[in-house]
Every structure is written in C-alpha cells, then in structure tokens.
Amino acid sequence: NNSIVDAASINTLRFKNKIMVTINKVVNMIAIWGVLNLLFTFEKNLGII
C-alpha cells in the first residue's frame, strides 16, 4: 500500500514540475518579447529605424 502512495506522489511531483517548467518557458518568452518590443519602440522613437 505504501508503494502505491509513493508512486502517486512521485507522479504528482512530476506533473507539478512539468507545469512549472511550462509556466517558466511562457514567462521567459513573454519577457523576451517584451524586451524586443521595448527596444523596437525605443529605436523607432529615436528614428533609427
């Protein structure tokens, strides 16, 4: 019985880990996009582009 509980908790941890990694990737993508967007806007305002 104990091993079943252990397996379930390991699966839950793995699942939570996958969610965290996914959220992390999305946040990173949004952050990178935001920085690129800011740079583009900044350069446009300066008239470089």
N, C-alpha and C. Protein backbone atom coordinates (compact mmCIF):
# COMPACT_ATOMS: atom_id res chain seq x y z
N ASN A 1 0.84 -1.21 0.00
CA ASN A 1 0.00 0.00 0.00
C ASN A 1 0.87 1.25 0.00
N ASN A 2 1.95 1.22 0.74
CA ASN A 2 2.84 2.36 0.83
C ASN A 2 3.44 2.71 -0.53
N SER A 3 3.83 1.68 -1.29
CA SER A 3 4.48 1.92 -2.57
C SER A 3 3.53 2.58 -3.57
N ILE A 4 2.24 2.29 -3.46
CA ILE A 4 1.25 2.91 -4.34
C ILE A 4 1.15 4.40 -4.04
N VAL A 5 1.15 4.73 -2.74
CA VAL A 5 1.08 6.13 -2.33
C VAL A 5 2.34 6.86 -2.82
N ASP A 6 3.51 6.22 -2.68
CA ASP A 6 4.76 6.82 -3.13
C ASP A 6 4.73 7.09 -4.63
N ALA A 7 4.25 6.10 -5.39
CA ALA A 7 4.18 6.26 -6.85
C ALA A 7 3.26 7.41 -7.22
N ALA A 8 2.15 7.52 -6.52
CA ALA A 8 1.20 8.59 -6.80
C ALA A 8 1.81 9.95 -6.49
N SER A 9 2.52 10.05 -5.38
CA SER A 9 3.10 11.33 -5.01
C SER A 9 4.23 11.71 -5.97
N ILE A 10 4.98 10.71 -6.45
CA ILE A 10 6.04 10.96 -7.43
C ILE A 10 5.42 11.47 -8.72
N ASN A 11 4.32 10.85 -9.16
CA ASN A 11 3.63 11.30 -10.37
C ASN A 11 3.11 12.72 -10.21
N THR A 12 2.58 13.03 -9.03
CA THR A 12 2.08 14.38 -8.76
C THR A 12 3.21 15.38 -8.83
N LEU A 13 4.35 15.03 -8.24
CA LEU A 13 5.52 15.92 -8.26
C LEU A 13 5.99 16.15 -9.70
N ARG A 14 6.04 15.07 -10.48
CA ARG A 14 6.45 15.19 -11.88
C ARG A 14 5.50 16.10 -12.65
N PHE A 15 4.21 15.92 -12.39
CA PHE A 15 3.19 16.72 -13.07
C PHE A 15 3.35 18.19 -12.71
N LYS A 16 3.53 18.47 -11.42
CA LYS A 16 3.73 19.85 -10.96
C LYS A 16 5.00 20.43 -11.58
N ASN A 17 6.03 19.60 -11.69
CA ASN A 17 7.29 20.04 -12.27
C ASN A 17 7.10 20.43 -13.73
N LYS A 18 6.34 19.61 -14.48
CA LYS A 18 6.06 19.90 -15.89
C LYS A 18 5.33 21.21 -16.02
N ILE A 19 4.35 21.44 -15.14
CA ILE A 19 3.57 22.68 -15.17
C ILE A 19 4.49 23.86 -14.90
N MET A 20 5.35 23.73 -13.89
CA MET A 20 6.26 24.82 -13.55
C MET A 20 7.20 25.13 -14.71
N VAL A 21 7.72 24.08 -15.35
CA VAL A 21 8.63 24.28 -16.48
C VAL A 21 7.90 24.98 -17.62
N THR A 22 6.67 24.56 -17.87
CA THR A 22 5.87 25.18 -18.94
C THR A 22 5.61 26.65 -18.64
N ILE A 23 5.20 26.94 -17.39
CA ILE A 23 4.94 28.32 -16.99
C ILE A 23 6.22 29.15 -17.15
N ASN A 24 7.35 28.56 -16.75
CA ASN A 24 8.64 29.23 -16.84
C ASN A 24 8.96 29.59 -18.28
N LYS A 25 8.74 28.63 -19.20
CA LYS A 25 9.00 28.87 -20.62
C LYS A 25 8.14 29.99 -21.15
N VAL A 26 6.86 29.98 -20.78
CA VAL A 26 5.93 31.01 -21.24
C VAL A 26 6.36 32.37 -20.72
N VAL A 27 6.69 32.43 -19.43
CA VAL A 27 7.12 33.70 -18.81
C VAL A 27 8.38 34.22 -19.51
N ASN A 28 9.33 33.31 -19.77
CA ASN A 28 10.56 33.71 -20.46
C ASN A 28 10.26 34.25 -21.84
N MET A 29 9.37 33.59 -22.58
CA MET A 29 9.02 34.03 -23.92
C MET A 29 8.38 35.42 -23.87
N ILE A 30 7.48 35.63 -22.91
CA ILE A 30 6.81 36.93 -22.77
C ILE A 30 7.84 38.00 -22.41
N ALA A 31 8.77 37.65 -21.52
CA ALA A 31 9.80 38.61 -21.11
C ALA A 31 10.68 38.99 -22.29
N ILE A 32 11.12 38.01 -23.06
CA ILE A 32 11.96 38.27 -24.23
C ILE A 32 11.21 39.12 -25.24
N TRP A 33 9.94 38.77 -25.48
CA TRP A 33 9.10 39.52 -26.42
C TRP A 33 8.95 40.96 -25.95
N GLY A 34 8.74 41.14 -24.65
CA GLY A 34 8.59 42.48 -24.09
C GLY A 34 9.85 43.31 -24.28
N VAL A 35 11.01 42.70 -24.05
CA VAL A 35 12.28 43.41 -24.21
C VAL A 35 12.49 43.80 -25.67
N LEU A 36 12.24 42.85 -26.58
CA LEU A 36 12.38 43.13 -28.01
C LEU A 36 11.44 44.25 -28.43
N ASN A 37 10.22 44.20 -27.92
CA ASN A 37 9.21 45.20 -28.24
C ASN A 37 9.66 46.58 -27.76
N LEU A 38 10.19 46.63 -26.53
CA LEU A 38 10.68 47.89 -25.97
C LEU A 38 11.82 48.44 -26.81
N LEU A 39 12.77 47.57 -27.18
CA LEU A 39 13.91 48.00 -27.99
C LEU A 39 13.43 48.56 -29.33
N PHE A 40 12.50 47.84 -29.94
CA PHE A 40 11.98 48.26 -31.24
C PHE A 40 11.31 49.63 -31.13
N THR A 41 10.48 49.80 -30.09
CA THR A 41 9.78 51.07 -29.88
C THR A 41 10.78 52.19 -29.62
N PHE A 42 11.79 51.90 -28.81
CA PHE A 42 12.82 52.87 -28.47
C PHE A 42 13.55 53.35 -29.72
N GLU A 43 13.96 52.39 -30.56
CA GLU A 43 14.68 52.73 -31.78
C GLU A 43 13.80 53.50 -32.74
N LYS A 44 12.51 53.13 -32.78
CA LYS A 44 11.57 53.83 -33.66
C LYS A 44 11.44 55.29 -33.22
N ASN A 45 11.36 55.48 -31.90
CA ASN A 45 11.22 56.84 -31.36
C ASN A 45 12.46 57.67 -31.65
N LEU A 46 13.62 57.04 -31.65
CA LEU A 46 14.85 57.77 -31.92
C LEU A 46 15.05 57.99 -33.42
N GLY A 47 14.26 57.29 -34.22
CA GLY A 47 14.35 57.46 -35.66
C GLY A 47 15.46 56.64 -36.28
N ILE A 48 15.93 55.61 -35.57
CA ILE A 48 16.98 54.75 -36.12
C ILE A 48 16.40 53.87 -37.22
N ILE A 49 15.17 53.39 -36.98
CA ILE A 49 14.52 52.53 -37.97
C ILE A 49 13.67 53.42 -38.90
